[in-house]
Amino acid sequence: MATTLDLKSKEEKDAELDKRIEALRRKNEALIRRYQVP
């Protein structure tokens, strides 16, 4: 039981990290576009 909980929490953490990384990537792209426009 402990192992299944650990696996589930690890998968949830990975999903959260993926969402955060994707959000940061979009934010960075928006900033880069904003500063590239003369």
PDB file of N, CA and C in Angstrom:
ATOM      1  N   MET A   1       0.840  -1.210   0.000  1.00  0.00           N
ATOM      2  CA  MET A   1       0.000   0.000   0.000  1.00  0.00           C
ATOM      3  C   MET A   1       0.869   1.252   0.000  1.00  0.00           C
ATOM      4  N   ALA A   2       1.920   1.239   0.801  1.00  0.00           N
ATOM      5  CA  ALA A   2       2.797   2.412   0.854  1.00  0.00           C
ATOM      6  C   ALA A   2       3.425   2.661  -0.514  1.00  0.00           C
ATOM      7  N   THR A   3       3.791   1.580  -1.195  1.00  0.00           N
ATOM      8  CA  THR A   3       4.443   1.741  -2.497  1.00  0.00           C
ATOM      9  C   THR A   3       3.479   2.344  -3.516  1.00  0.00           C
ATOM     10  N   THR A   4       2.215   1.901  -3.516  1.00  0.00           N
ATOM     11  CA  THR A   4       1.259   2.451  -4.473  1.00  0.00           C
ATOM     12  C   THR A   4       1.027   3.936  -4.194  1.00  0.00           C
ATOM     13  N   LEU A   5       0.955   4.306  -2.922  1.00  0.00           N
ATOM     14  CA  LEU A   5       0.783   5.720  -2.581  1.00  0.00           C
ATOM     15  C   LEU A   5       1.995   6.519  -3.046  1.00  0.00           C
ATOM     16  N   ASP A   6       3.188   5.968  -2.823  1.00  0.00           N
ATOM     17  CA  ASP A   6       4.397   6.668  -3.242  1.00  0.00           C
ATOM     18  C   ASP A   6       4.397   6.856  -4.754  1.00  0.00           C
ATOM     19  N   LEU A   7       4.029   5.793  -5.484  1.00  0.00           N
ATOM     20  CA  LEU A   7       4.013   5.891  -6.941  1.00  0.00           C
ATOM     21  C   LEU A   7       3.010   6.953  -7.389  1.00  0.00           C
ATOM     22  N   LYS A   8       1.822   6.935  -6.786  1.00  0.00           N
ATOM     23  CA  LYS A   8       0.800   7.908  -7.172  1.00  0.00           C
ATOM     24  C   LYS A   8       1.284   9.328  -6.889  1.00  0.00           C
ATOM     25  N   SER A   9       1.848   9.545  -5.697  1.00  0.00           N
ATOM     26  CA  SER A   9       2.307  10.889  -5.353  1.00  0.00           C
ATOM     27  C   SER A   9       3.429  11.312  -6.299  1.00  0.00           C
ATOM     28  N   LYS A  10       4.304  10.361  -6.692  1.00  0.00           N
ATOM     29  CA  LYS A  10       5.393  10.701  -7.606  1.00  0.00           C
ATOM     30  C   LYS A  10       4.819  11.116  -8.961  1.00  0.00           C
ATOM     31  N   GLU A  11       3.830  10.362  -9.447  1.00  0.00           N
ATOM     32  CA  GLU A  11       3.220  10.711 -10.730  1.00  0.00           C
ATOM     33  C   GLU A  11       2.548  12.076 -10.648  1.00  0.00           C
ATOM     34  N   GLU A  12       1.858  12.341  -9.533  1.00  0.00           N
ATOM     35  CA  GLU A  12       1.198  13.638  -9.381  1.00  0.00           C
ATOM     36  C   GLU A  12       2.228  14.760  -9.353  1.00  0.00           C
ATOM     37  N   LYS A  13       3.345  14.525  -8.625  1.00  0.00           N
ATOM     38  CA  LYS A  13       4.388  15.550  -8.567  1.00  0.00           C
ATOM     39  C   LYS A  13       4.970  15.793  -9.955  1.00  0.00           C
ATOM     40  N   ASP A  14       5.205  14.716 -10.713  1.00  0.00           N
ATOM     41  CA  ASP A  14       5.736  14.861 -12.066  1.00  0.00           C
ATOM     42  C   ASP A  14       4.768  15.681 -12.924  1.00  0.00           C
ATOM     43  N   ALA A  15       3.471  15.404 -12.809  1.00  0.00           N
ATOM     44  CA  ALA A  15       2.482  16.137 -13.596  1.00  0.00           C
ATOM     45  C   ALA A  15       2.497  17.615 -13.213  1.00  0.00           C
ATOM     46  N   GLU A  16       2.587  17.890 -11.916  1.00  0.00           N
ATOM     47  CA  GLU A  16       2.630  19.292 -11.473  1.00  0.00           C
ATOM     48  C   GLU A  16       3.874  19.979 -12.014  1.00  0.00           C
ATOM     49  N   LEU A  17       5.021  19.279 -11.967  1.00  0.00           N
ATOM     50  CA  LEU A  17       6.259  19.867 -12.485  1.00  0.00           C
ATOM     51  C   LEU A  17       6.121  20.150 -13.973  1.00  0.00           C
ATOM     52  N   ASP A  18       5.536  19.211 -14.725  1.00  0.00           N
ATOM     53  CA  ASP A  18       5.351  19.423 -16.156  1.00  0.00           C
ATOM     54  C   ASP A  18       4.514  20.677 -16.402  1.00  0.00           C
ATOM     55  N   LYS A  19       3.429  20.844 -15.638  1.00  0.00           N
ATOM     56  CA  LYS A  19       2.576  22.025 -15.818  1.00  0.00           C
ATOM     57  C   LYS A  19       3.355  23.295 -15.513  1.00  0.00           C
ATOM     58  N   ARG A  20       4.143  23.276 -14.412  1.00  0.00           N
ATOM     59  CA  ARG A  20       4.909  24.472 -14.050  1.00  0.00           C
ATOM     60  C   ARG A  20       5.941  24.799 -15.117  1.00  0.00           C
ATOM     61  N   ILE A  21       6.637  23.771 -15.615  1.00  0.00           N
ATOM     62  CA  ILE A  21       7.660  23.994 -16.647  1.00  0.00           C
ATOM     63  C   ILE A  21       7.008  24.569 -17.903  1.00  0.00           C
ATOM     64  N   GLU A  22       5.857  24.013 -18.287  1.00  0.00           N
ATOM     65  CA  GLU A  22       5.162  24.496 -19.481  1.00  0.00           C
ATOM     66  C   GLU A  22       4.736  25.953 -19.292  1.00  0.00           C
ATOM     67  N   ALA A  23       4.225  26.301 -18.116  1.00  0.00           N
ATOM     68  CA  ALA A  23       3.810  27.681 -17.845  1.00  0.00           C
ATOM     69  C   ALA A  23       5.010  28.611 -17.916  1.00  0.00           C
ATOM     70  N   LEU A  24       6.132  28.201 -17.305  1.00  0.00           N
ATOM     71  CA  LEU A  24       7.335  29.041 -17.335  1.00  0.00           C
ATOM     72  C   LEU A  24       7.820  29.212 -18.768  1.00  0.00           C
ATOM     73  N   ARG A  25       7.769  28.130 -19.551  1.00  0.00           N
ATOM     74  CA  ARG A  25       8.227  28.202 -20.940  1.00  0.00           C
ATOM     75  C   ARG A  25       7.380  29.203 -21.724  1.00  0.00           C
ATOM     76  N   ARG A  26       6.049  29.138 -21.551  1.00  0.00           N
ATOM     77  CA  ARG A  26       5.174  30.077 -22.264  1.00  0.00           C
ATOM     78  C   ARG A  26       5.461  31.510 -21.828  1.00  0.00           C
ATOM     79  N   LYS A  27       5.668  31.708 -20.522  1.00  0.00           N
ATOM     80  CA  LYS A  27       5.952  33.048 -20.006  1.00  0.00           C
ATOM     81  C   LYS A  27       7.239  33.579 -20.620  1.00  0.00           C
ATOM     82  N   ASN A  28       8.271  32.716 -20.666  1.00  0.00           N
ATOM     83  CA  ASN A  28       9.544  33.135 -21.244  1.00  0.00           C
ATOM     84  C   ASN A  28       9.376  33.488 -22.715  1.00  0.00           C
ATOM     85  N   GLU A  29       8.633  32.665 -23.460  1.00  0.00           N
ATOM     86  CA  GLU A  29       8.432  32.947 -24.882  1.00  0.00           C
ATOM     87  C   GLU A  29       7.721  34.283 -25.065  1.00  0.00           C
ATOM     88  N   ALA A  30       6.722  34.560 -24.239  1.00  0.00           N
ATOM     89  CA  ALA A  30       6.001  35.827 -24.345  1.00  0.00           C
ATOM     90  C   ALA A  30       6.943  36.992 -24.068  1.00  0.00           C
ATOM     91  N   LEU A  31       7.784  36.861 -23.033  1.00  0.00           N
ATOM     92  CA  LEU A  31       8.731  37.934 -22.707  1.00  0.00           C
ATOM     93  C   LEU A  31       9.727  38.134 -23.840  1.00  0.00           C
ATOM     94  N   ILE A  32      10.238  37.031 -24.388  1.00  0.00           N
ATOM     95  CA  ILE A  32      11.216  37.142 -25.481  1.00  0.00           C
ATOM     96  C   ILE A  32      10.578  37.852 -26.670  1.00  0.00           C
ATOM     97  N   ARG A  33       9.353  37.470 -27.032  1.00  0.00           N
ATOM     98  CA  ARG A  33       8.683  38.129 -28.162  1.00  0.00           C
ATOM     99  C   ARG A  33       8.512  39.617 -27.879  1.00  0.00           C
ATOM    100  N   ARG A  34       8.114  39.948 -26.660  1.00  0.00           N
ATOM    101  CA  ARG A  34       7.872  41.347 -26.314  1.00  0.00           C
ATOM    102  C   ARG A  34       9.153  42.164 -26.473  1.00  0.00           C
ATOM    103  N   TYR A  35      10.288  41.595 -26.025  1.00  0.00           N
ATOM    104  CA  TYR A  35      11.534  42.363 -26.086  1.00  0.00           C
ATOM    105  C   TYR A  35      12.153  42.335 -27.474  1.00  0.00           C
ATOM    106  N   GLN A  36      11.796  41.347 -28.307  1.00  0.00           N
ATOM    107  CA  GLN A  36      12.351  41.294 -29.657  1.00  0.00           C
ATOM    108  C   GLN A  36      11.683  42.321 -30.562  1.00  0.00           C
ATOM    109  N   VAL A  37      10.431  42.659 -30.293  1.00  0.00           N
ATOM    110  CA  VAL A  37       9.729  43.636 -31.140  1.00  0.00           C
ATOM    111  C   VAL A  37      10.364  45.007 -30.940  1.00  0.00           C
ATOM    112  N   PRO A  38      10.831  45.646 -32.015  1.00  0.00           N
ATOM    113  CA  PRO A  38      11.489  46.963 -31.892  1.00  0.00           C
ATOM    114  C   PRO A  38      10.509  48.087 -31.584  1.00  0.00           C
TER     115      PRO A  38
END
